[in-house]
Amino acid sequence: MPRPSRHRLVIDGRTTAMVEIADTWARRARGMLARRALPAALLLRPCASVHGVGMRVPLDVAFLTPEGAVLDVIVLRPWSAPRGRRGAAAVLEAPAGSFARWDLTRGSAVQTAPDREPS
């Protein structure tokens, strides 16, 4: 599988972290599973629901509208299966505690921007 492109995660106009974008079936199916080190953030799109089956650590999860507005925020516990969110078009995942550091809450605006490669 080709390496995902690097993007900047922008929350309420502030760059907060680098984000991997899972925009193929294979990348979405893998998600955060079986990784030695978790990425700072993973954006799954299209996606309206997630599960913690097979996970070993909790994750912060935000359900996003097509425009990038945060509909809801939860902590996904290992082996849990929360219900999906109506109107969600994408899901942002990050290691637990990340959203508090980034001040990401319900109503926040989430965007991505290509990483600027050094020249």
Protein backbone atom coordinates (compact mmCIF):
# COMPACT_ATOMS: atom_id res chain seq x y z
CA MET A 1 0.00 0.00 0.00
CA PRO A 2 1.45 3.42 -0.91
CA ARG A 3 2.47 5.61 1.99
CA PRO A 4 -0.26 8.16 2.85
CA SER A 5 0.43 11.78 2.06
CA ARG A 6 1.27 14.10 4.93
CA HIS A 7 -1.17 16.85 5.77
CA ARG A 8 -1.37 19.48 8.46
CA LEU A 9 -4.35 19.28 10.81
CA VAL A 10 -5.90 22.72 11.25
CA ILE A 11 -8.38 23.22 14.10
CA ASP A 12 -10.18 26.55 14.39
CA GLY A 13 -7.52 28.13 12.18
CA ARG A 14 -4.53 26.76 14.16
CA THR A 15 -2.18 24.07 12.87
CA THR A 16 -2.11 21.46 15.63
CA ALA A 17 -0.48 18.29 14.29
CA MET A 18 0.29 16.20 11.25
CA VAL A 19 -2.54 13.95 10.10
CA GLU A 20 -2.69 10.83 7.94
CA ILE A 21 -5.71 10.63 5.67
CA ALA A 22 -7.38 7.24 5.29
CA ASP A 23 -9.40 7.73 2.12
CA THR A 24 -9.32 4.21 0.68
CA TRP A 25 -11.11 1.11 1.90
CA ALA A 26 -7.81 -0.55 2.91
CA ARG A 27 -6.54 2.47 4.86
CA ARG A 28 -9.87 2.92 6.65
CA ALA A 29 -10.00 -0.81 7.50
CA ARG A 30 -6.54 -0.66 9.07
CA GLY A 31 -7.22 2.59 10.92
CA MET A 32 -5.12 2.68 14.09
CA LEU A 33 -4.91 -1.12 14.39
CA ALA A 34 -1.62 -3.03 14.61
CA ARG A 35 0.61 0.03 14.69
CA ARG A 36 3.74 0.10 16.80
CA ALA A 37 3.47 3.86 17.11
CA LEU A 38 0.22 5.74 16.60
CA PRO A 39 0.20 8.72 14.26
CA ALA A 40 -0.59 12.09 15.82
CA ALA A 41 -3.97 11.98 14.05
CA LEU A 42 -5.87 9.92 11.49
CA LEU A 43 -8.74 11.25 9.37
CA LEU A 44 -11.05 8.55 8.01
CA ARG A 45 -13.22 9.66 5.10
CA PRO A 46 -15.84 8.85 4.13
CA CYS A 47 -16.78 7.48 7.55
CA ALA A 48 -19.65 7.87 10.02
CA SER A 49 -18.80 5.26 12.67
CA VAL A 50 -15.80 3.54 14.26
CA HIS A 51 -15.10 0.70 16.70
CA GLY A 52 -12.39 -0.19 19.18
CA VAL A 53 -12.28 -3.92 18.42
CA GLY A 54 -8.66 -5.00 18.51
CA MET A 55 -7.43 -1.71 19.97
CA ARG A 56 -5.16 -1.69 23.02
CA VAL A 57 -5.38 1.99 23.95
CA PRO A 58 -8.19 4.56 24.12
CA LEU A 59 -8.52 7.14 21.34
CA ASP A 60 -10.08 10.58 21.07
CA VAL A 61 -12.68 10.49 18.28
CA ALA A 62 -14.47 13.40 16.59
CA PHE A 63 -17.34 12.95 14.15
CA LEU A 64 -17.23 15.61 11.40
CA THR A 65 -19.78 17.06 8.98
CA PRO A 66 -18.91 17.27 5.28
CA GLU A 67 -17.78 20.87 5.96
CA GLY A 68 -15.49 19.80 8.83
CA ALA A 69 -17.59 20.97 11.79
CA VAL A 70 -17.29 18.70 14.83
CA LEU A 71 -20.66 17.04 15.55
CA ASP A 72 -19.57 15.10 18.61
CA VAL A 73 -16.45 14.05 20.52
CA ILE A 74 -15.98 10.79 22.43
CA VAL A 75 -13.22 8.70 23.94
CA LEU A 76 -13.19 5.34 22.16
CA ARG A 77 -12.31 2.60 24.66
CA PRO A 78 -10.63 -0.62 23.51
CA TRP A 79 -13.13 -3.23 22.35
CA SER A 80 -16.06 -0.79 22.41
CA ALA A 81 -18.49 -0.17 19.56
CA PRO A 82 -20.23 3.20 19.94
CA ARG A 83 -23.08 4.12 17.63
CA GLY A 84 -22.36 6.18 14.52
CA ARG A 85 -23.43 9.79 14.23
CA ARG A 86 -26.10 10.97 11.80
CA GLY A 87 -24.68 13.57 9.43
CA ALA A 88 -21.06 12.50 9.92
CA ALA A 89 -18.98 12.35 6.75
CA ALA A 90 -15.57 11.82 8.37
CA VAL A 91 -14.03 10.75 11.66
CA LEU A 92 -10.88 12.15 13.23
CA GLU A 93 -8.96 9.86 15.59
CA ALA A 94 -6.00 10.68 17.82
CA PRO A 95 -4.36 9.24 20.92
CA ALA A 96 -6.45 9.95 24.04
CA GLY A 97 -5.70 13.39 25.48
CA SER A 98 -4.85 14.97 22.12
CA PHE A 99 -8.17 16.80 21.72
CA ALA A 100 -7.79 18.47 25.12
CA ARG A 101 -4.31 19.71 24.14
CA TRP A 102 -5.65 20.96 20.79
CA ASP A 103 -8.79 22.49 22.35
CA LEU A 104 -10.96 20.47 19.94
CA THR A 105 -14.58 20.38 21.10
CA ARG A 106 -18.07 20.04 19.64
CA GLY A 107 -18.48 22.86 17.12
CA SER A 108 -14.76 23.21 16.31
CA ALA A 109 -13.81 23.62 12.65
CA VAL A 110 -11.43 20.94 11.33
CA GLN A 111 -9.52 21.26 8.06
CA THR A 112 -6.47 19.67 6.47
CA ALA A 113 -3.81 21.29 4.34
CA PRO A 114 -0.99 19.64 2.40
CA ASP A 115 2.29 19.64 4.29
CA ARG A 116 4.74 22.14 2.89
CA GLU A 117 7.75 20.15 1.81
CA PRO A 118 11.09 21.84 2.49
CA SER A 119 12.78 23.08 -0.68
